[in-house]
Amino acid sequence: MDILNDAMKALTDAVSGFWPKPSEKPGLADGKLRPCPGTPNCVCSENPGSQGWIEPIAFDPLTADDAWAKLKKVIDDMGGVVQSEEKGYLWATFTVPLFGFTDDVEFRLDKASGAIQIRSASRLGFSDLGVNRSRVDDIRHRLVEKKG
């Protein structure tokens, strides 16, 4: 099975070089995650009422610091790569197996609301067939699992 996994990784790594880099570097806009562009390949917890809205990840009863540390472990466990981290903000990328599509996933620690705000968006295409929403749900589930 390792041979198959290694072959798939090699193919994904080779193909992913063909896909574009983000048109703008991910980051905060006015202290919040950027809104989705209105396409179904993006979800964001900081834009209630929009088509791409998704609930933020509540971290109670964990402390903010513990939740943030566990989030980084979850990202690593899921095969994500942290691209940059600043105080209360993290940008990671996930590569979709086989096709090599890159998705940008951003997190903002919102201590005031006891939650981690999240934005997950595909760099390419119009629809992602629910991959970004599913990824956020998986991250939420894994973080909740790791609370105990």
C-alpha atoms as a PDB file:
ATOM      1  CA  MET A   1       0.000   0.000   0.000  1.00  0.00           C
ATOM      2  CA  ASP A   2       2.953   2.335   0.638  1.00  0.00           C
ATOM      3  CA  ILE A   3       3.995   1.981  -3.001  1.00  0.00           C
ATOM      4  CA  LEU A   4       0.535   3.111  -4.149  1.00  0.00           C
ATOM      5  CA  ASN A   5       0.533   6.044  -1.694  1.00  0.00           C
ATOM      6  CA  ASP A   6       4.033   7.067  -2.810  1.00  0.00           C
ATOM      7  CA  ALA A   7       3.011   6.900  -6.468  1.00  0.00           C
ATOM      8  CA  MET A   8      -0.114   9.004  -5.840  1.00  0.00           C
ATOM      9  CA  LYS A   9       1.925  11.580  -3.914  1.00  0.00           C
ATOM     10  CA  ALA A  10       4.517  11.780  -6.707  1.00  0.00           C
ATOM     11  CA  LEU A  11       1.777  12.260  -9.320  1.00  0.00           C
ATOM     12  CA  THR A  12       0.009  14.896  -7.205  1.00  0.00           C
ATOM     13  CA  ASP A  13       3.274  16.765  -6.575  1.00  0.00           C
ATOM     14  CA  ALA A  14       4.079  16.756 -10.300  1.00  0.00           C
ATOM     15  CA  VAL A  15       0.632  17.941 -11.389  1.00  0.00           C
ATOM     16  CA  SER A  16       0.193  20.581  -8.658  1.00  0.00           C
ATOM     17  CA  GLY A  17       2.932  22.722 -10.190  1.00  0.00           C
ATOM     18  CA  PHE A  18       0.605  23.465 -13.116  1.00  0.00           C
ATOM     19  CA  TRP A  19      -2.059  25.136 -10.973  1.00  0.00           C
ATOM     20  CA  PRO A  20      -1.911  28.859 -10.236  1.00  0.00           C
ATOM     21  CA  LYS A  21      -0.637  30.539  -7.105  1.00  0.00           C
ATOM     22  CA  PRO A  22      -3.248  32.602  -5.220  1.00  0.00           C
ATOM     23  CA  SER A  23      -4.097  35.853  -6.994  1.00  0.00           C
ATOM     24  CA  GLU A  24      -3.678  37.662  -3.693  1.00  0.00           C
ATOM     25  CA  LYS A  25      -1.833  36.455  -0.635  1.00  0.00           C
ATOM     26  CA  PRO A  26      -4.296  35.178   1.919  1.00  0.00           C
ATOM     27  CA  GLY A  27      -4.610  37.371   4.979  1.00  0.00           C
ATOM     28  CA  LEU A  28      -6.946  39.428   7.100  1.00  0.00           C
ATOM     29  CA  ALA A  29      -8.940  42.371   5.790  1.00  0.00           C
ATOM     30  CA  ASP A  30      -9.884  44.882   8.476  1.00  0.00           C
ATOM     31  CA  GLY A  31      -9.067  42.289  11.135  1.00  0.00           C
ATOM     32  CA  LYS A  32     -11.339  39.583   9.694  1.00  0.00           C
ATOM     33  CA  LEU A  33     -11.115  36.812   7.144  1.00  0.00           C
ATOM     34  CA  ARG A  34     -11.848  37.941   3.598  1.00  0.00           C
ATOM     35  CA  PRO A  35     -15.348  37.216   2.290  1.00  0.00           C
ATOM     36  CA  CYS A  36     -15.872  34.494  -0.300  1.00  0.00           C
ATOM     37  CA  PRO A  37     -16.002  35.654  -3.926  1.00  0.00           C
ATOM     38  CA  GLY A  38     -19.554  34.347  -4.410  1.00  0.00           C
ATOM     39  CA  THR A  39     -18.574  31.034  -6.018  1.00  0.00           C
ATOM     40  CA  PRO A  40     -19.573  27.707  -4.468  1.00  0.00           C
ATOM     41  CA  ASN A  41     -15.935  26.660  -3.960  1.00  0.00           C
ATOM     42  CA  CYS A  42     -15.464  28.761  -0.826  1.00  0.00           C
ATOM     43  CA  VAL A  43     -16.805  28.794   2.723  1.00  0.00           C
ATOM     44  CA  CYS A  44     -16.211  31.415   5.403  1.00  0.00           C
ATOM     45  CA  SER A  45     -17.502  31.765   8.951  1.00  0.00           C
ATOM     46  CA  GLU A  46     -17.181  35.557   9.041  1.00  0.00           C
ATOM     47  CA  ASN A  47     -19.828  36.312   6.424  1.00  0.00           C
ATOM     48  CA  PRO A  48     -23.208  35.333   7.882  1.00  0.00           C
ATOM     49  CA  GLY A  49     -26.034  35.425   5.396  1.00  0.00           C
ATOM     50  CA  SER A  50     -23.810  34.627   2.422  1.00  0.00           C
ATOM     51  CA  GLN A  51     -24.054  31.472   0.316  1.00  0.00           C
ATOM     52  CA  GLY A  52     -20.678  30.282   1.603  1.00  0.00           C
ATOM     53  CA  TRP A  53     -21.338  30.856   5.303  1.00  0.00           C
ATOM     54  CA  ILE A  54     -20.262  28.118   7.685  1.00  0.00           C
ATOM     55  CA  GLU A  55     -20.360  28.093  11.472  1.00  0.00           C
ATOM     56  CA  PRO A  56     -17.089  28.967  13.255  1.00  0.00           C
ATOM     57  CA  ILE A  57     -15.380  26.301  15.349  1.00  0.00           C
ATOM     58  CA  ALA A  58     -16.222  26.750  19.041  1.00  0.00           C
ATOM     59  CA  PHE A  59     -13.346  25.689  21.274  1.00  0.00           C
ATOM     60  CA  ASP A  60     -14.941  25.785  24.751  1.00  0.00           C
ATOM     61  CA  PRO A  61     -13.923  24.256  27.203  1.00  0.00           C
ATOM     62  CA  LEU A  62     -10.368  24.483  25.828  1.00  0.00           C
ATOM     63  CA  THR A  63      -8.361  27.630  26.356  1.00  0.00           C
ATOM     64  CA  ALA A  64      -7.632  29.669  23.252  1.00  0.00           C
ATOM     65  CA  ASP A  65      -3.958  28.650  23.340  1.00  0.00           C
ATOM     66  CA  ASP A  66      -4.777  24.949  23.696  1.00  0.00           C
ATOM     67  CA  ALA A  67      -7.325  25.117  20.878  1.00  0.00           C
ATOM     68  CA  TRP A  68      -4.810  26.877  18.605  1.00  0.00           C
ATOM     69  CA  ALA A  69      -2.121  24.265  19.331  1.00  0.00           C
ATOM     70  CA  LYS A  70      -4.553  21.418  18.708  1.00  0.00           C
ATOM     71  CA  LEU A  71      -5.710  23.063  15.472  1.00  0.00           C
ATOM     72  CA  LYS A  72      -2.133  23.009  14.140  1.00  0.00           C
ATOM     73  CA  LYS A  73      -1.888  19.311  15.033  1.00  0.00           C
ATOM     74  CA  VAL A  74      -5.175  18.606  13.227  1.00  0.00           C
ATOM     75  CA  ILE A  75      -3.945  20.449  10.120  1.00  0.00           C
ATOM     76  CA  ASP A  76      -0.766  18.357  10.137  1.00  0.00           C
ATOM     77  CA  ASP A  77      -2.696  15.114  10.708  1.00  0.00           C
ATOM     78  CA  MET A  78      -4.912  15.924   7.698  1.00  0.00           C
ATOM     79  CA  GLY A  79      -1.940  16.541   5.416  1.00  0.00           C
ATOM     80  CA  GLY A  80      -2.180  20.328   5.406  1.00  0.00           C
ATOM     81  CA  VAL A  81       0.885  22.544   5.305  1.00  0.00           C
ATOM     82  CA  VAL A  82       1.084  25.728   7.367  1.00  0.00           C
ATOM     83  CA  GLN A  83       2.275  28.471   5.007  1.00  0.00           C
ATOM     84  CA  SER A  84       2.363  31.319   7.513  1.00  0.00           C
ATOM     85  CA  GLU A  85       1.306  32.137  11.034  1.00  0.00           C
ATOM     86  CA  GLU A  86       0.973  35.452  12.778  1.00  0.00           C
ATOM     87  CA  LYS A  87      -0.532  36.230  16.142  1.00  0.00           C
ATOM     88  CA  GLY A  88      -4.084  34.864  15.998  1.00  0.00           C
ATOM     89  CA  TYR A  89      -3.960  34.099  12.252  1.00  0.00           C
ATOM     90  CA  LEU A  90      -2.872  31.000  10.358  1.00  0.00           C
ATOM     91  CA  TRP A  91      -2.814  30.177   6.636  1.00  0.00           C
ATOM     92  CA  ALA A  92      -2.510  26.549   5.527  1.00  0.00           C
ATOM     93  CA  THR A  93      -2.771  24.812   2.182  1.00  0.00           C
ATOM     94  CA  PHE A  94      -4.266  21.445   1.379  1.00  0.00           C
ATOM     95  CA  THR A  95      -3.632  19.602  -1.878  1.00  0.00           C
ATOM     96  CA  VAL A  96      -6.497  17.573  -3.327  1.00  0.00           C
ATOM     97  CA  PRO A  97      -5.134  14.085  -4.093  1.00  0.00           C
ATOM     98  CA  LEU A  98      -4.692  12.928  -7.693  1.00  0.00           C
ATOM     99  CA  PHE A  99      -5.517  16.230  -9.399  1.00  0.00           C
ATOM    100  CA  GLY A 100      -3.176  18.362  -7.321  1.00  0.00           C
ATOM    101  CA  PHE A 101      -5.598  21.257  -6.792  1.00  0.00           C
ATOM    102  CA  THR A 102      -4.535  23.548  -3.959  1.00  0.00           C
ATOM    103  CA  ASP A 103      -7.013  24.936  -1.457  1.00  0.00           C
ATOM    104  CA  ASP A 104      -6.181  27.818   0.871  1.00  0.00           C
ATOM    105  CA  VAL A 105      -7.521  27.451   4.410  1.00  0.00           C
ATOM    106  CA  GLU A 106      -7.305  30.371   6.822  1.00  0.00           C
ATOM    107  CA  PHE A 107      -8.016  30.556  10.529  1.00  0.00           C
ATOM    108  CA  ARG A 108      -8.505  33.515  12.878  1.00  0.00           C
ATOM    109  CA  LEU A 109      -8.525  33.042  16.628  1.00  0.00           C
ATOM    110  CA  ASP A 110     -11.561  34.911  17.935  1.00  0.00           C
ATOM    111  CA  LYS A 111     -11.040  34.882  21.698  1.00  0.00           C
ATOM    112  CA  ALA A 112     -13.991  37.218  22.301  1.00  0.00           C
ATOM    113  CA  SER A 113     -16.467  34.697  20.903  1.00  0.00           C
ATOM    114  CA  GLY A 114     -14.598  31.575  22.043  1.00  0.00           C
ATOM    115  CA  ALA A 115     -14.257  30.337  18.477  1.00  0.00           C
ATOM    116  CA  ILE A 116     -11.880  29.878  15.595  1.00  0.00           C
ATOM    117  CA  GLN A 117     -13.102  31.659  12.479  1.00  0.00           C
ATOM    118  CA  ILE A 118     -12.346  29.757   9.271  1.00  0.00           C
ATOM    119  CA  ARG A 119     -12.195  30.336   5.523  1.00  0.00           C
ATOM    120  CA  SER A 120     -11.534  27.503   3.061  1.00  0.00           C
ATOM    121  CA  ALA A 121     -11.360  28.244  -0.663  1.00  0.00           C
ATOM    122  CA  SER A 122     -10.254  26.567  -3.873  1.00  0.00           C
ATOM    123  CA  ARG A 123      -7.757  28.480  -5.985  1.00  0.00           C
ATOM    124  CA  LEU A 124      -9.126  27.168  -9.247  1.00  0.00           C
ATOM    125  CA  GLY A 125     -12.538  26.498 -10.741  1.00  0.00           C
ATOM    126  CA  PHE A 126     -16.095  27.342  -9.863  1.00  0.00           C
ATOM    127  CA  SER A 127     -17.402  24.357  -7.926  1.00  0.00           C
ATOM    128  CA  ASP A 128     -15.498  22.102  -5.563  1.00  0.00           C
ATOM    129  CA  LEU A 129     -18.290  19.539  -5.126  1.00  0.00           C
ATOM    130  CA  GLY A 130     -18.455  20.405  -1.426  1.00  0.00           C
ATOM    131  CA  VAL A 131     -14.788  19.659  -0.649  1.00  0.00           C
ATOM    132  CA  ASN A 132     -14.133  22.882   1.311  1.00  0.00           C
ATOM    133  CA  ARG A 133     -17.289  22.573   3.426  1.00  0.00           C
ATOM    134  CA  SER A 134     -16.478  18.923   4.095  1.00  0.00           C
ATOM    135  CA  ARG A 135     -12.898  19.814   5.090  1.00  0.00           C
ATOM    136  CA  VAL A 136     -14.123  22.395   7.609  1.00  0.00           C
ATOM    137  CA  ASP A 137     -16.554  19.851   9.060  1.00  0.00           C
ATOM    138  CA  ASP A 138     -13.700  17.338   9.338  1.00  0.00           C
ATOM    139  CA  ILE A 139     -11.453  19.898  11.065  1.00  0.00           C
ATOM    140  CA  ARG A 140     -14.300  20.764  13.463  1.00  0.00           C
ATOM    141  CA  HIS A 141     -14.898  17.082  14.239  1.00  0.00           C
ATOM    142  CA  ARG A 142     -11.200  16.360  14.828  1.00  0.00           C
ATOM    143  CA  LEU A 143     -10.748  19.409  17.042  1.00  0.00           C
ATOM    144  CA  VAL A 144     -13.789  18.471  19.110  1.00  0.00           C
ATOM    145  CA  GLU A 145     -12.456  14.889  19.356  1.00  0.00           C
ATOM    146  CA  LYS A 146      -9.148  16.234  20.624  1.00  0.00           C
ATOM    147  CA  LYS A 147     -10.765  18.369  23.352  1.00  0.00           C
ATOM    148  CA  GLY A 148     -10.723  15.486  25.759  1.00  0.00           C
END
